[in-house]
């Protein structure tokens, strides 16, 4: 029972960063270059965590085939879900809305886009939180690197997305309601990652870890890097590498 509570606690900690970012993004006029820089750093952190903490761990547990297959399945599942949501108004859910071409639609412009935005946030957040719970299965201690990586990346995600929601005319209740619900869902996802996945064999656990890794990697490439490049393209490479090295250093400390 203690491990279940711990999984939920760490999932909530990581998910609460989305709410923290949303509060800042909705209430403070953060310069676009700052948002882009933090987004690039968060992308680098996640890329490192996916490489060394998730795909690397899956490979060590079960070999190349389950790790590669799971990663591809995760990327495919995320891409299909993202395509479905994009047609319903959630294509630019992580965009700050500074540029008209990448602005989130209002409910008047596209009915149901609010629901699509909420589902998109869920699609982005669940894989990250699930692997936090799964990491507890390896030696009974949570992967601190994974928690830190998800937390750091969630802050700019919530910040940029809530800024875009505000510009699309979404209410404060809607914005904070979405991110509060995702923080709660992150808690549940981490618990399920520990309790449900833990009942399976090491090969299945490795495959599930790889699935989450594929989904996260696809999310970084599809949503985080484009937003970062939009306003900080001259520095995005350097900032992303810095994030990568910070996460790499934590995983080898």
Protein backbone atom coordinates (compact mmCIF):
# COMPACT_ATOMS: atom_id res chain seq x y z
CA UNK A 1 0.00 0.00 0.00
CA UNK A 2 2.86 2.37 0.78
CA UNK A 3 4.21 1.99 -2.76
CA UNK A 4 0.77 2.72 -4.22
CA UNK A 5 0.55 5.95 -2.24
CA UNK A 6 4.08 6.86 -3.25
CA UNK A 7 3.28 6.28 -6.92
CA UNK A 8 0.22 8.51 -6.66
CA UNK A 9 2.16 11.20 -4.81
CA UNK A 10 4.93 11.39 -7.40
CA UNK A 11 2.39 11.35 -10.22
CA UNK A 12 0.61 14.28 -8.60
CA UNK A 13 3.88 16.18 -8.10
CA UNK A 14 4.75 15.82 -11.79
CA UNK A 15 1.20 16.65 -12.94
CA UNK A 16 0.91 19.67 -10.67
CA UNK A 17 3.62 21.36 -12.74
CA UNK A 18 1.02 21.70 -15.51
CA UNK A 19 -1.25 23.59 -13.14
CA UNK A 20 1.67 25.74 -11.96
CA UNK A 21 2.53 26.60 -15.54
CA UNK A 22 -1.12 27.33 -16.31
CA UNK A 23 -1.36 29.80 -13.43
CA UNK A 24 1.68 31.68 -14.71
CA UNK A 25 0.67 31.50 -18.36
CA UNK A 26 -2.89 32.68 -17.74
CA UNK A 27 -2.12 35.41 -15.24
CA UNK A 28 1.26 36.76 -16.35
CA UNK A 29 2.29 38.14 -19.74
CA UNK A 30 5.36 35.98 -20.23
CA UNK A 31 7.54 37.05 -23.22
CA UNK A 32 7.24 34.55 -26.09
CA UNK A 33 11.01 34.03 -26.20
CA UNK A 34 10.99 33.00 -22.54
CA UNK A 35 8.21 30.49 -23.18
CA UNK A 36 10.07 29.14 -26.20
CA UNK A 37 13.35 28.86 -24.31
CA UNK A 38 11.80 26.99 -21.40
CA UNK A 39 9.93 24.75 -23.84
CA UNK A 40 13.18 23.91 -25.65
CA UNK A 41 14.88 23.11 -22.34
CA UNK A 42 11.98 20.88 -21.31
CA UNK A 43 12.10 19.08 -24.67
CA UNK A 44 15.80 18.33 -24.12
CA UNK A 45 15.11 17.00 -20.64
CA UNK A 46 12.41 14.67 -21.93
CA UNK A 47 14.54 13.47 -24.85
CA UNK A 48 17.26 12.42 -22.42
CA UNK A 49 14.79 10.75 -20.05
CA UNK A 50 13.21 8.82 -22.92
CA UNK A 51 16.61 7.67 -24.16
CA UNK A 52 18.25 6.59 -20.92
CA UNK A 53 15.44 6.03 -18.42
CA UNK A 54 12.71 4.55 -20.64
CA UNK A 55 13.90 3.02 -23.91
CA UNK A 56 17.26 2.14 -22.37
CA UNK A 57 15.55 0.47 -19.42
CA UNK A 58 13.17 -1.44 -21.70
CA UNK A 59 16.12 -2.67 -23.73
CA UNK A 60 17.98 -3.82 -20.60
CA UNK A 61 14.91 -5.70 -19.34
CA UNK A 62 13.71 -7.42 -22.49
CA UNK A 63 16.04 -6.79 -25.41
CA UNK A 64 15.80 -4.89 -28.65
CA UNK A 65 12.60 -6.33 -30.14
CA UNK A 66 10.15 -5.46 -27.29
CA UNK A 67 11.80 -2.07 -26.80
CA UNK A 68 11.64 -1.16 -30.48
CA UNK A 69 8.16 -2.58 -31.00
CA UNK A 70 6.75 -0.83 -27.94
CA UNK A 71 8.30 2.49 -28.92
CA UNK A 72 6.78 2.28 -32.41
CA UNK A 73 3.37 1.32 -31.01
CA UNK A 74 3.45 4.23 -28.59
CA UNK A 75 4.41 6.71 -31.30
CA UNK A 76 1.72 5.34 -33.63
CA UNK A 77 -0.98 5.45 -30.94
CA UNK A 78 -0.08 9.02 -30.01
CA UNK A 79 0.01 10.12 -33.66
CA UNK A 80 -3.39 8.61 -34.44
CA UNK A 81 -4.90 10.18 -31.33
CA UNK A 82 -3.31 13.49 -32.17
CA UNK A 83 -4.66 13.40 -35.74
CA UNK A 84 -8.17 12.73 -34.44
CA UNK A 85 -7.95 15.60 -31.97
CA UNK A 86 -6.37 17.97 -34.51
CA UNK A 87 -9.49 17.73 -36.67
CA UNK A 88 -11.56 18.79 -33.68
CA UNK A 89 -9.63 21.93 -32.78
CA UNK A 90 -6.75 20.70 -30.59
CA UNK A 91 -3.95 20.82 -33.17
CA UNK A 92 -2.26 23.82 -31.52
CA UNK A 93 -3.09 23.00 -27.92
CA UNK A 94 0.47 23.67 -26.73
CA UNK A 95 0.87 26.87 -28.72
CA UNK A 96 0.86 30.24 -26.96
CA UNK A 97 -1.28 31.78 -29.70
CA UNK A 98 1.14 34.57 -30.58
CA UNK A 99 1.00 33.76 -34.28
CA UNK A 100 -2.40 33.74 -35.97
CA UNK A 101 -1.61 30.62 -37.99
CA UNK A 102 -1.03 28.64 -34.80
CA UNK A 103 -3.84 30.06 -32.67
CA UNK A 104 -6.22 27.79 -30.78
CA UNK A 105 -9.84 28.13 -31.99
CA UNK A 106 -12.55 29.43 -29.70
CA UNK A 107 -15.67 27.39 -29.01
CA UNK A 108 -17.63 29.74 -31.29
CA UNK A 109 -15.17 29.16 -34.13
CA UNK A 110 -15.16 25.39 -33.74
CA UNK A 111 -17.71 23.67 -31.56
CA UNK A 112 -16.28 20.95 -29.37
CA UNK A 113 -12.76 22.35 -29.50
CA UNK A 114 -12.79 22.86 -25.72
CA UNK A 115 -13.43 19.17 -25.16
CA UNK A 116 -10.75 18.33 -27.73
CA UNK A 117 -8.25 20.54 -25.90
CA UNK A 118 -8.99 18.75 -22.63
CA UNK A 119 -8.64 15.33 -24.26
CA UNK A 120 -5.42 16.47 -25.92
CA UNK A 121 -3.98 17.49 -22.57
CA UNK A 122 -4.93 14.05 -21.24
CA UNK A 123 -3.29 12.36 -24.23
CA UNK A 124 -0.07 14.29 -23.58
CA UNK A 125 0.01 13.77 -19.83
CA UNK A 126 -1.01 10.13 -19.23
CA UNK A 127 2.06 8.35 -20.70
CA UNK A 128 4.44 10.55 -18.72
CA UNK A 129 2.68 9.83 -15.44
CA UNK A 130 2.22 6.13 -16.08
CA UNK A 131 5.96 5.55 -16.42
CA UNK A 132 6.49 7.20 -13.04
CA UNK A 133 4.42 4.45 -11.45
CA UNK A 134 6.12 1.78 -13.56
CA UNK A 135 9.54 3.02 -12.44
CA UNK A 136 8.66 2.02 -8.86
CA UNK A 137 8.63 -1.61 -9.97
CA UNK A 138 12.39 -1.51 -10.47
CA UNK A 139 13.81 -1.82 -6.98
CA UNK A 140 10.92 -0.18 -5.14
CA UNK A 141 12.15 3.39 -5.63
CA UNK A 142 10.76 5.91 -8.07
CA UNK A 143 12.98 7.14 -10.89
CA UNK A 144 13.80 10.63 -9.67
CA UNK A 145 15.14 11.53 -13.10
CA UNK A 146 11.79 10.66 -14.71
CA UNK A 147 9.88 12.72 -12.15
CA UNK A 148 12.20 15.70 -12.59
CA UNK A 149 12.06 15.40 -16.38
CA UNK A 150 8.27 15.30 -16.46
CA UNK A 151 7.98 18.15 -13.95
CA UNK A 152 10.39 20.41 -15.82
CA UNK A 153 8.73 19.74 -19.16
CA UNK A 154 5.21 20.17 -17.77
CA UNK A 155 5.78 23.73 -16.60
CA UNK A 156 6.33 25.23 -20.08
CA UNK A 157 3.61 22.96 -21.53
CA UNK A 158 1.03 24.35 -19.11
CA UNK A 159 2.38 27.87 -19.48
CA UNK A 160 2.27 27.97 -23.28
CA UNK A 161 -1.03 26.14 -23.62
CA UNK A 162 -2.87 28.24 -21.05
CA UNK A 163 -1.60 31.43 -22.73
CA UNK A 164 -3.07 30.14 -25.98
CA UNK A 165 -6.33 29.22 -24.26
CA UNK A 166 -6.59 32.73 -22.83
CA UNK A 167 -6.11 34.29 -26.26
CA UNK A 168 -8.78 31.96 -27.66
CA UNK A 169 -11.24 33.36 -25.11
CA UNK A 170 -11.32 30.39 -22.72
CA UNK A 171 -12.43 31.24 -19.20
CA UNK A 172 -10.25 31.00 -16.13
CA UNK A 173 -12.48 28.23 -14.83
CA UNK A 174 -12.02 26.22 -18.01
CA UNK A 175 -8.23 26.62 -18.08
CA UNK A 176 -7.62 25.77 -14.46
CA UNK A 177 -10.29 23.08 -14.53
CA UNK A 178 -8.53 21.33 -17.42
CA UNK A 179 -5.11 21.41 -15.82
CA UNK A 180 -6.44 20.53 -12.37
CA UNK A 181 -8.17 17.50 -13.90
CA UNK A 182 -4.98 16.50 -15.70
CA UNK A 183 -3.03 16.75 -12.44
CA UNK A 184 -5.60 14.41 -10.87
CA UNK A 185 -5.41 12.10 -13.90
CA UNK A 186 -1.63 12.07 -13.56
CA UNK A 187 -2.03 10.77 -10.01
CA UNK A 188 -4.36 8.00 -11.15
CA UNK A 189 -2.13 7.12 -14.11
CA UNK A 190 0.92 6.72 -11.88
CA UNK A 191 -1.04 4.46 -9.52
CA UNK A 192 -2.33 2.35 -12.40
CA UNK A 193 1.15 2.18 -13.88
CA UNK A 194 2.36 0.64 -10.63
CA UNK A 195 -0.57 -1.62 -9.77
CA UNK A 196 -1.76 -2.84 -13.17
CA UNK A 197 1.52 -3.11 -15.07
CA UNK A 198 3.25 -4.64 -12.07
CA UNK A 199 1.17 -7.79 -12.45
CA UNK A 200 2.78 -8.64 -15.79
CA UNK A 201 6.07 -10.26 -16.78
CA UNK A 202 9.29 -8.24 -17.16
CA UNK A 203 8.97 -8.44 -20.96
CA UNK A 204 5.50 -6.91 -20.85
CA UNK A 205 6.61 -4.24 -18.38
CA UNK A 206 9.49 -3.37 -20.71
CA UNK A 207 7.10 -3.16 -23.67
CA UNK A 208 4.71 -0.89 -21.75
CA UNK A 209 7.61 1.35 -20.75
CA UNK A 210 8.65 1.54 -24.39
CA UNK A 211 5.08 2.36 -25.48
CA UNK A 212 5.05 5.32 -23.11
CA UNK A 213 8.48 6.35 -24.38
CA UNK A 214 7.28 6.32 -27.98
CA UNK A 215 4.25 8.41 -27.12
CA UNK A 216 6.37 10.95 -25.23
CA UNK A 217 8.93 11.15 -28.03
CA UNK A 218 6.20 11.73 -30.62
CA UNK A 219 4.67 14.41 -28.39
CA UNK A 220 8.00 16.23 -28.03
CA UNK A 221 8.56 16.26 -31.78
CA UNK A 222 4.99 17.21 -32.67
CA UNK A 223 4.14 19.84 -30.08
CA UNK A 224 7.04 21.03 -27.92
CA UNK A 225 9.82 21.54 -30.45
CA UNK A 226 7.62 23.40 -32.99
CA UNK A 227 6.48 25.84 -30.28
CA UNK A 228 10.05 26.37 -29.13
CA UNK A 229 11.35 26.87 -32.68
CA UNK A 230 8.64 29.43 -33.45
CA UNK A 231 10.17 32.12 -31.25
CA UNK A 232 13.69 30.97 -30.36
CA UNK A 233 14.92 29.19 -33.48
CA UNK A 234 18.42 30.65 -33.30
CA UNK A 235 19.00 29.25 -29.81
CA UNK A 236 16.74 26.20 -29.67
CA UNK A 237 19.52 23.73 -30.45
CA UNK A 238 21.79 24.97 -27.67
CA UNK A 239 18.97 25.22 -25.10
CA UNK A 240 17.66 21.75 -25.97
CA UNK A 241 21.14 20.27 -25.58
CA UNK A 242 21.46 21.96 -22.17
CA UNK A 243 18.21 20.34 -21.06
CA UNK A 244 19.39 17.00 -22.40
CA UNK A 245 22.68 17.24 -20.48
CA UNK A 246 20.98 18.22 -17.22
CA UNK A 247 18.74 15.15 -17.42
CA UNK A 248 21.68 12.97 -18.52
CA UNK A 249 23.71 14.18 -15.56
CA UNK A 250 20.89 13.39 -13.12
CA UNK A 251 20.49 9.89 -14.53
CA UNK A 252 24.20 9.17 -14.05
CA UNK A 253 24.71 10.96 -10.73
